[in-house]
Amino acid sequence: MAEQMEYYTAMDLVAQQYEDTTKLYQFYTSLREEHKLVTTKCKDCGHVPWPPRTLCPECLSTDYEWVDMPSTGTIASWTAAYAGMPPELAARAPMVYALVDFENGLRMPTAILECAPNEAKTGMEVELVVGDVQPDQQGRRRVAPYFKPVGR
């Protein structure tokens, strides 16, 4: 019989996602409730970083707004993993991990679902998939952004 383990936040590999745990909760709220990616845009200098930030890396302003990201992108580079994946993805091995380029010039590292390593290609068009991950300590739903080939 498996021994019950205590949940330690410091060992949690999934970001905390609610207003009481992060200033970036709007990213997760948009992902979870609207199935869309958003990021921050600095109101002072206009810089749009990825991932979202509460402090502009260009001018150090903390005055930002949320802007939509594209829901599709193109694989710039990829690799396959056969072991050592996060628990929520381990059963899907082998997994394709990629750098996805968006039309707005930003790039995101992510897992590509529904794609075997022999199907992955640089230049392949992919679309956003919102996946459930381990709930937080209060049992609240948490999600992560993944992608899959367009049309699957």
N, C-alpha and C. Protein backbone atom coordinates (compact mmCIF):
# COMPACT_ATOMS: atom_id res chain seq x y z
N MET A 1 0.85 -1.18 0.00
CA MET A 1 0.00 0.00 0.00
C MET A 1 0.89 1.24 0.00
N ALA A 2 0.54 2.19 -0.83
CA ALA A 2 1.34 3.41 -0.94
C ALA A 2 1.16 4.28 0.30
N GLU A 3 2.25 4.84 0.74
CA GLU A 3 2.22 5.73 1.90
C GLU A 3 1.76 7.11 1.45
N GLN A 4 0.85 7.73 2.21
CA GLN A 4 0.36 9.07 1.87
C GLN A 4 1.46 10.08 2.18
N MET A 5 1.73 10.97 1.21
CA MET A 5 2.77 11.96 1.38
C MET A 5 2.16 13.33 1.61
N GLU A 6 2.81 14.13 2.42
CA GLU A 6 2.36 15.49 2.65
C GLU A 6 2.76 16.35 1.46
N TYR A 7 1.91 17.28 1.09
CA TYR A 7 2.12 18.14 -0.06
C TYR A 7 2.96 19.34 0.34
N TYR A 8 4.10 19.53 -0.30
CA TYR A 8 4.97 20.65 0.01
C TYR A 8 5.02 21.62 -1.16
N THR A 9 4.64 22.86 -0.92
CA THR A 9 4.61 23.87 -1.97
C THR A 9 5.98 24.08 -2.58
N ALA A 10 7.03 24.04 -1.80
CA ALA A 10 8.38 24.26 -2.32
C ALA A 10 8.79 23.20 -3.33
N MET A 11 8.18 22.03 -3.26
CA MET A 11 8.52 20.94 -4.18
C MET A 11 7.54 20.87 -5.35
N ASP A 12 6.57 21.75 -5.40
CA ASP A 12 5.54 21.75 -6.42
C ASP A 12 6.12 22.29 -7.73
N LEU A 13 6.05 21.51 -8.80
CA LEU A 13 6.59 21.92 -10.09
C LEU A 13 5.61 22.74 -10.91
N VAL A 14 4.35 22.83 -10.47
CA VAL A 14 3.33 23.57 -11.20
C VAL A 14 3.12 24.92 -10.51
N ALA A 15 3.08 25.97 -11.31
CA ALA A 15 2.92 27.32 -10.75
C ALA A 15 1.61 27.46 -9.97
N GLN A 16 1.65 28.24 -8.91
CA GLN A 16 0.44 28.59 -8.19
C GLN A 16 -0.36 29.54 -9.08
N GLN A 17 -1.69 29.46 -9.06
CA GLN A 17 -2.46 30.09 -10.13
C GLN A 17 -3.60 31.01 -9.69
N TYR A 18 -3.74 31.25 -8.42
CA TYR A 18 -4.88 32.05 -7.99
C TYR A 18 -4.44 33.35 -7.34
N GLU A 19 -5.38 34.29 -7.23
CA GLU A 19 -5.09 35.64 -6.75
C GLU A 19 -4.41 35.66 -5.39
N ASP A 20 -4.70 34.67 -4.56
CA ASP A 20 -4.09 34.64 -3.23
C ASP A 20 -2.67 34.07 -3.24
N THR A 21 -2.17 33.64 -4.42
CA THR A 21 -0.83 33.04 -4.47
C THR A 21 0.11 33.65 -5.49
N THR A 22 -0.40 34.46 -6.44
CA THR A 22 0.47 35.05 -7.45
C THR A 22 -0.12 36.33 -8.02
N LYS A 23 0.75 37.26 -8.38
CA LYS A 23 0.30 38.49 -9.05
C LYS A 23 -0.05 38.21 -10.51
N LEU A 24 0.39 37.09 -11.04
CA LEU A 24 0.14 36.75 -12.44
C LEU A 24 -1.09 35.85 -12.60
N TYR A 25 -1.99 35.87 -11.64
CA TYR A 25 -3.15 34.99 -11.67
C TYR A 25 -4.01 35.19 -12.92
N GLN A 26 -4.02 36.39 -13.51
CA GLN A 26 -4.84 36.65 -14.69
C GLN A 26 -4.43 35.76 -15.87
N PHE A 27 -3.14 35.45 -15.96
CA PHE A 27 -2.68 34.53 -17.01
C PHE A 27 -3.40 33.19 -16.88
N TYR A 28 -3.43 32.66 -15.65
CA TYR A 28 -4.05 31.35 -15.42
C TYR A 28 -5.56 31.41 -15.49
N THR A 29 -6.16 32.51 -15.05
CA THR A 29 -7.61 32.67 -15.16
C THR A 29 -8.03 32.66 -16.62
N SER A 30 -7.32 33.41 -17.47
CA SER A 30 -7.64 33.43 -18.91
C SER A 30 -7.45 32.06 -19.54
N LEU A 31 -6.40 31.38 -19.16
CA LEU A 31 -6.14 30.05 -19.69
C LEU A 31 -7.21 29.05 -19.24
N ARG A 32 -7.52 29.07 -17.96
CA ARG A 32 -8.47 28.12 -17.37
C ARG A 32 -9.90 28.38 -17.82
N GLU A 33 -10.34 29.64 -17.82
CA GLU A 33 -11.75 29.95 -18.06
C GLU A 33 -12.07 30.29 -19.51
N GLU A 34 -11.12 30.88 -20.23
CA GLU A 34 -11.38 31.32 -21.60
C GLU A 34 -10.59 30.52 -22.64
N HIS A 35 -9.72 29.63 -22.17
CA HIS A 35 -8.86 28.82 -23.05
C HIS A 35 -8.06 29.69 -24.01
N LYS A 36 -7.47 30.77 -23.45
CA LYS A 36 -6.62 31.62 -24.27
C LYS A 36 -5.38 32.03 -23.52
N LEU A 37 -4.32 32.26 -24.30
CA LEU A 37 -3.06 32.76 -23.75
C LEU A 37 -3.10 34.27 -23.69
N VAL A 38 -2.57 34.82 -22.61
CA VAL A 38 -2.39 36.26 -22.50
C VAL A 38 -0.99 36.51 -21.96
N THR A 39 -0.53 37.72 -22.12
CA THR A 39 0.74 38.12 -21.52
C THR A 39 0.62 39.58 -21.12
N THR A 40 1.64 40.08 -20.49
CA THR A 40 1.63 41.47 -20.05
C THR A 40 2.24 42.38 -21.11
N LYS A 41 1.80 43.64 -21.10
CA LYS A 41 2.37 44.68 -21.96
C LYS A 41 2.63 45.89 -21.08
N CYS A 42 3.85 46.39 -21.12
CA CYS A 42 4.22 47.55 -20.31
C CYS A 42 3.48 48.79 -20.81
N LYS A 43 2.80 49.48 -19.92
CA LYS A 43 2.09 50.70 -20.29
C LYS A 43 3.04 51.88 -20.49
N ASP A 44 4.25 51.78 -19.95
CA ASP A 44 5.20 52.89 -20.09
C ASP A 44 6.00 52.83 -21.38
N CYS A 45 6.56 51.66 -21.71
CA CYS A 45 7.42 51.57 -22.90
C CYS A 45 6.84 50.71 -24.02
N GLY A 46 5.76 49.96 -23.73
CA GLY A 46 5.12 49.15 -24.76
C GLY A 46 5.71 47.76 -24.95
N HIS A 47 6.74 47.41 -24.18
CA HIS A 47 7.37 46.09 -24.33
C HIS A 47 6.39 44.98 -23.95
N VAL A 48 6.39 43.91 -24.76
CA VAL A 48 5.54 42.74 -24.51
C VAL A 48 6.46 41.55 -24.26
N PRO A 49 6.62 41.14 -23.00
CA PRO A 49 7.51 40.02 -22.69
C PRO A 49 6.80 38.67 -22.73
N TRP A 50 7.57 37.62 -22.90
CA TRP A 50 7.09 36.26 -22.65
C TRP A 50 8.15 35.57 -21.83
N PRO A 51 7.79 34.93 -20.73
CA PRO A 51 6.46 34.83 -20.16
C PRO A 51 6.01 36.15 -19.54
N PRO A 52 4.72 36.23 -19.13
CA PRO A 52 4.21 37.46 -18.52
C PRO A 52 5.04 37.85 -17.30
N ARG A 53 5.16 39.13 -17.08
CA ARG A 53 5.97 39.64 -15.96
C ARG A 53 5.22 40.75 -15.24
N THR A 54 5.54 40.94 -13.98
CA THR A 54 4.97 42.06 -13.23
C THR A 54 5.92 43.25 -13.22
N LEU A 55 7.13 43.04 -13.71
CA LEU A 55 8.15 44.08 -13.80
C LEU A 55 8.70 44.06 -15.23
N CYS A 56 8.61 45.19 -15.92
CA CYS A 56 9.08 45.25 -17.30
C CYS A 56 10.60 45.06 -17.35
N PRO A 57 11.08 44.08 -18.13
CA PRO A 57 12.53 43.86 -18.22
C PRO A 57 13.26 44.95 -19.00
N GLU A 58 12.52 45.81 -19.70
CA GLU A 58 13.13 46.88 -20.48
C GLU A 58 13.28 48.18 -19.67
N CYS A 59 12.21 48.60 -18.99
CA CYS A 59 12.25 49.90 -18.30
C CYS A 59 12.01 49.81 -16.80
N LEU A 60 11.79 48.60 -16.29
CA LEU A 60 11.57 48.32 -14.87
C LEU A 60 10.26 48.88 -14.31
N SER A 61 9.33 49.22 -15.18
CA SER A 61 8.02 49.69 -14.75
C SER A 61 7.19 48.53 -14.22
N THR A 62 6.32 48.83 -13.29
CA THR A 62 5.37 47.82 -12.80
C THR A 62 3.95 48.13 -13.28
N ASP A 63 3.82 49.06 -14.21
CA ASP A 63 2.52 49.45 -14.77
C ASP A 63 2.30 48.67 -16.06
N TYR A 64 1.44 47.67 -16.03
CA TYR A 64 1.23 46.81 -17.18
C TYR A 64 -0.24 46.52 -17.39
N GLU A 65 -0.54 46.03 -18.59
CA GLU A 65 -1.90 45.58 -18.92
C GLU A 65 -1.79 44.20 -19.54
N TRP A 66 -2.91 43.48 -19.57
CA TRP A 66 -2.95 42.15 -20.15
C TRP A 66 -3.37 42.23 -21.60
N VAL A 67 -2.65 41.53 -22.48
CA VAL A 67 -2.96 41.50 -23.91
C VAL A 67 -3.04 40.05 -24.37
N ASP A 68 -3.85 39.81 -25.38
CA ASP A 68 -4.02 38.46 -25.92
C ASP A 68 -2.80 38.02 -26.71
N MET A 69 -2.53 36.73 -26.64
CA MET A 69 -1.50 36.09 -27.45
C MET A 69 -2.22 35.29 -28.53
N PRO A 70 -1.52 34.99 -29.63
CA PRO A 70 -2.13 34.12 -30.65
C PRO A 70 -2.37 32.72 -30.07
N SER A 71 -3.37 32.03 -30.63
CA SER A 71 -3.66 30.67 -30.17
C SER A 71 -2.99 29.63 -31.06
N THR A 72 -2.33 30.08 -32.12
CA THR A 72 -1.58 29.17 -32.99
C THR A 72 -0.16 29.70 -33.15
N GLY A 73 0.73 28.79 -33.49
CA GLY A 73 2.12 29.15 -33.71
C GLY A 73 2.78 28.11 -34.59
N THR A 74 4.09 28.25 -34.74
CA THR A 74 4.87 27.37 -35.59
C THR A 74 6.05 26.81 -34.81
N ILE A 75 6.31 25.52 -34.96
CA ILE A 75 7.44 24.91 -34.28
C ILE A 75 8.74 25.44 -34.88
N ALA A 76 9.57 26.05 -34.03
CA ALA A 76 10.88 26.57 -34.46
C ALA A 76 11.96 25.51 -34.29
N SER A 77 11.83 24.70 -33.25
CA SER A 77 12.79 23.65 -32.93
C SER A 77 12.09 22.67 -32.01
N TRP A 78 12.52 21.42 -32.02
CA TRP A 78 11.87 20.43 -31.15
C TRP A 78 12.84 19.32 -30.77
N THR A 79 12.44 18.58 -29.74
CA THR A 79 13.17 17.41 -29.30
C THR A 79 12.17 16.41 -28.73
N ALA A 80 12.59 15.19 -28.56
CA ALA A 80 11.72 14.16 -27.98
C ALA A 80 12.29 13.72 -26.64
N ALA A 81 11.40 13.48 -25.69
CA ALA A 81 11.78 12.98 -24.37
C ALA A 81 11.13 11.62 -24.16
N TYR A 82 11.93 10.68 -23.71
CA TYR A 82 11.43 9.32 -23.49
C TYR A 82 11.32 8.99 -22.00
N ALA A 83 11.89 9.84 -21.15
CA ALA A 83 11.85 9.63 -19.70
C ALA A 83 12.08 10.98 -19.02
N GLY A 84 11.81 11.03 -17.71
CA GLY A 84 12.09 12.22 -16.93
C GLY A 84 11.09 13.34 -17.13
N MET A 85 9.87 13.03 -17.48
CA MET A 85 8.85 14.05 -17.71
C MET A 85 8.05 14.33 -16.44
N PRO A 86 7.36 15.48 -16.41
CA PRO A 86 6.50 15.77 -15.26
C PRO A 86 5.45 14.67 -15.09
N PRO A 87 5.02 14.40 -13.87
CA PRO A 87 4.09 13.30 -13.61
C PRO A 87 2.84 13.31 -14.49
N GLU A 88 2.28 14.50 -14.75
CA GLU A 88 1.04 14.55 -15.53
C GLU A 88 1.26 14.20 -17.01
N LEU A 89 2.52 14.16 -17.46
CA LEU A 89 2.81 13.82 -18.86
C LEU A 89 3.54 12.49 -19.02
N ALA A 90 4.01 11.90 -17.93
CA ALA A 90 4.84 10.70 -18.00
C ALA A 90 4.17 9.54 -18.74
N ALA A 91 2.87 9.39 -18.60
CA ALA A 91 2.16 8.28 -19.25
C ALA A 91 2.09 8.48 -20.76
N ARG A 92 2.40 9.67 -21.24
CA ARG A 92 2.31 9.96 -22.68
C ARG A 92 3.65 9.79 -23.40
N ALA A 93 4.65 9.26 -22.73
CA ALA A 93 5.99 9.13 -23.33
C ALA A 93 5.90 8.25 -24.59
N PRO A 94 6.70 8.54 -25.60
CA PRO A 94 7.62 9.68 -25.69
C PRO A 94 6.86 10.98 -25.97
N MET A 95 7.42 12.08 -25.51
CA MET A 95 6.80 13.40 -25.66
C MET A 95 7.66 14.28 -26.55
N VAL A 96 6.99 15.10 -27.33
CA VAL A 96 7.67 16.11 -28.13
C VAL A 96 7.62 17.42 -27.36
N TYR A 97 8.78 18.04 -27.18
CA TYR A 97 8.89 19.36 -26.58
C TYR A 97 9.42 20.30 -27.65
N ALA A 98 8.87 21.51 -27.71
CA ALA A 98 9.23 22.41 -28.80
C ALA A 98 9.32 23.86 -28.35
N LEU A 99 10.00 24.64 -29.17
CA LEU A 99 9.94 26.09 -29.09
C LEU A 99 8.93 26.51 -30.15
N VAL A 100 7.88 27.19 -29.72
CA VAL A 100 6.83 27.62 -30.64
C VAL A 100 6.95 29.12 -30.85
N ASP A 101 7.03 29.52 -32.11
CA ASP A 101 7.08 30.93 -32.48
C ASP A 101 5.67 31.42 -32.80
N PHE A 102 5.37 32.64 -32.33
CA PHE A 102 4.08 33.26 -32.59
C PHE A 102 4.25 34.41 -33.58
N GLU A 103 3.17 34.78 -34.24
CA GLU A 103 3.21 35.86 -35.23
C GLU A 103 3.58 37.21 -34.62
N ASN A 104 3.44 37.34 -33.29
CA ASN A 104 3.79 38.60 -32.63
C ASN A 104 5.28 38.67 -32.26
N GLY A 105 6.05 37.66 -32.68
CA GLY A 105 7.49 37.66 -32.45
C GLY A 105 7.94 36.99 -31.17
N LEU A 106 7.02 36.54 -30.34
CA LEU A 106 7.38 35.89 -29.09
C LEU A 106 7.58 34.39 -29.33
N ARG A 107 8.30 33.76 -28.42
CA ARG A 107 8.62 32.33 -28.51
C ARG A 107 8.35 31.68 -27.17
N MET A 108 7.77 30.47 -27.20
CA MET A 108 7.36 29.78 -25.97
C MET A 108 7.83 28.33 -25.99
N PRO A 109 8.49 27.87 -24.92
CA PRO A 109 8.79 26.44 -24.81
C PRO A 109 7.54 25.71 -24.31
N THR A 110 7.23 24.57 -24.88
CA THR A 110 6.01 23.86 -24.51
C THR A 110 6.07 22.40 -24.94
N ALA A 111 5.15 21.61 -24.41
CA ALA A 111 4.98 20.23 -24.87
C ALA A 111 3.99 20.23 -26.03
N ILE A 112 4.24 19.36 -26.99
CA ILE A 112 3.33 19.20 -28.13
C ILE A 112 2.60 17.88 -27.93
N LEU A 113 1.30 17.96 -27.68
CA LEU A 113 0.48 16.77 -27.46
C LEU A 113 0.01 16.20 -28.80
N GLU A 114 -0.41 14.95 -28.78
CA GLU A 114 -0.96 14.28 -29.96
C GLU A 114 0.00 14.31 -31.15
N CYS A 115 1.29 14.20 -30.85
CA CYS A 115 2.30 14.26 -31.90
C CYS A 115 3.46 13.33 -31.53
N ALA A 116 3.63 12.27 -32.31
CA ALA A 116 4.74 11.35 -32.08
C ALA A 116 6.03 11.99 -32.60
N PRO A 117 7.17 11.61 -32.04
CA PRO A 117 8.43 12.18 -32.51
C PRO A 117 8.65 12.06 -34.02
N ASN A 118 8.20 10.97 -34.63
CA ASN A 118 8.40 10.82 -36.08
C ASN A 118 7.47 11.71 -36.91
N GLU A 119 6.50 12.37 -36.26
CA GLU A 119 5.59 13.29 -36.95
C GLU A 119 6.00 14.76 -36.79
N ALA A 120 6.80 15.05 -35.79
CA ALA A 120 7.18 16.44 -35.50
C ALA A 120 8.09 16.98 -36.60
N LYS A 121 7.86 18.26 -36.94
CA LYS A 121 8.66 18.90 -37.98
C LYS A 121 8.84 20.38 -37.64
N THR A 122 10.01 20.88 -37.90
CA THR A 122 10.23 22.32 -37.81
C THR A 122 9.32 22.96 -38.86
N GLY A 123 8.63 24.02 -38.46
CA GLY A 123 7.69 24.70 -39.35
C GLY A 123 6.26 24.21 -39.21
N MET A 124 6.04 23.13 -38.45
CA MET A 124 4.69 22.59 -38.26
C MET A 124 3.82 23.60 -37.52
N GLU A 125 2.60 23.79 -37.99
CA GLU A 125 1.67 24.71 -37.33
C GLU A 125 0.99 23.97 -36.17
N VAL A 126 0.93 24.63 -35.01
CA VAL A 126 0.34 24.03 -33.82
C VAL A 126 -0.66 24.99 -33.20
N GLU A 127 -1.59 24.42 -32.42
CA GLU A 127 -2.63 25.24 -31.77
C GLU A 127 -2.69 24.94 -30.27
N LEU A 128 -3.17 25.92 -29.53
CA LEU A 128 -3.24 25.84 -28.07
C LEU A 128 -4.18 24.74 -27.59
N VAL A 129 -3.73 24.03 -26.56
CA VAL A 129 -4.53 23.05 -25.84
C VAL A 129 -4.35 23.36 -24.36
N VAL A 130 -5.43 23.47 -23.62
CA VAL A 130 -5.35 23.71 -22.18
C VAL A 130 -5.47 22.37 -21.47
N GLY A 131 -4.44 22.04 -20.70
CA GLY A 131 -4.42 20.75 -20.01
C GLY A 131 -4.49 20.89 -18.51
N ASP A 132 -5.23 20.01 -17.87
CA ASP A 132 -5.29 20.00 -16.41
C ASP A 132 -4.00 19.40 -15.85
N VAL A 133 -3.55 19.96 -14.74
CA VAL A 133 -2.40 19.46 -14.00
C VAL A 133 -2.83 19.26 -12.55
N GLN A 134 -1.91 18.88 -11.69
CA GLN A 134 -2.21 18.59 -10.29
C GLN A 134 -2.91 19.77 -9.61
N PRO A 135 -4.02 19.53 -8.90
CA PRO A 135 -4.69 20.61 -8.16
C PRO A 135 -3.76 21.21 -7.10
N ASP A 136 -4.08 22.43 -6.67
CA ASP A 136 -3.25 23.05 -5.63
C ASP A 136 -3.63 22.49 -4.25
N GLN A 137 -3.00 23.02 -3.20
CA GLN A 137 -3.21 22.50 -1.85
C GLN A 137 -4.66 22.60 -1.39
N GLN A 138 -5.40 23.57 -1.93
CA GLN A 138 -6.81 23.72 -1.56
C GLN A 138 -7.73 22.91 -2.47
N GLY A 139 -7.15 22.15 -3.39
CA GLY A 139 -7.94 21.33 -4.29
C GLY A 139 -8.47 22.09 -5.50
N ARG A 140 -7.97 23.30 -5.72
CA ARG A 140 -8.45 24.10 -6.85
C ARG A 140 -7.79 23.63 -8.15
N ARG A 141 -8.56 23.73 -9.22
CA ARG A 141 -8.09 23.30 -10.55
C ARG A 141 -6.92 24.17 -11.01
N ARG A 142 -5.91 23.49 -11.54
CA ARG A 142 -4.79 24.18 -12.17
C ARG A 142 -4.62 23.65 -13.59
N VAL A 143 -4.12 24.51 -14.46
CA VAL A 143 -3.96 24.16 -15.86
C VAL A 143 -2.58 24.57 -16.36
N ALA A 144 -2.24 24.06 -17.54
CA ALA A 144 -0.99 24.45 -18.20
C ALA A 144 -1.26 24.56 -19.70
N PRO A 145 -0.53 25.45 -20.36
CA PRO A 145 -0.69 25.57 -21.82
C PRO A 145 0.18 24.55 -22.55
N TYR A 146 -0.43 23.81 -23.43
CA TYR A 146 0.26 22.89 -24.31
C TYR A 146 -0.18 23.21 -25.73
N PHE A 147 0.40 22.53 -26.70
CA PHE A 147 -0.01 22.71 -28.08
C PHE A 147 -0.16 21.34 -28.72
N LYS A 148 -0.85 21.30 -29.86
CA LYS A 148 -0.98 20.09 -30.66
C LYS A 148 -0.98 20.52 -32.13
N PRO A 149 -0.67 19.60 -33.04
CA PRO A 149 -0.73 19.95 -34.45
C PRO A 149 -2.12 20.45 -34.83
N VAL A 150 -2.18 21.48 -35.66
CA VAL A 150 -3.46 22.05 -36.07
C VAL A 150 -4.29 20.96 -36.75
N GLY A 151 -5.56 20.91 -36.36
CA GLY A 151 -6.48 19.96 -36.98
C GLY A 151 -6.61 18.62 -36.29
N ARG A 152 -5.88 18.40 -35.21
CA ARG A 152 -5.99 17.11 -34.51
C ARG A 152 -6.92 17.21 -33.33
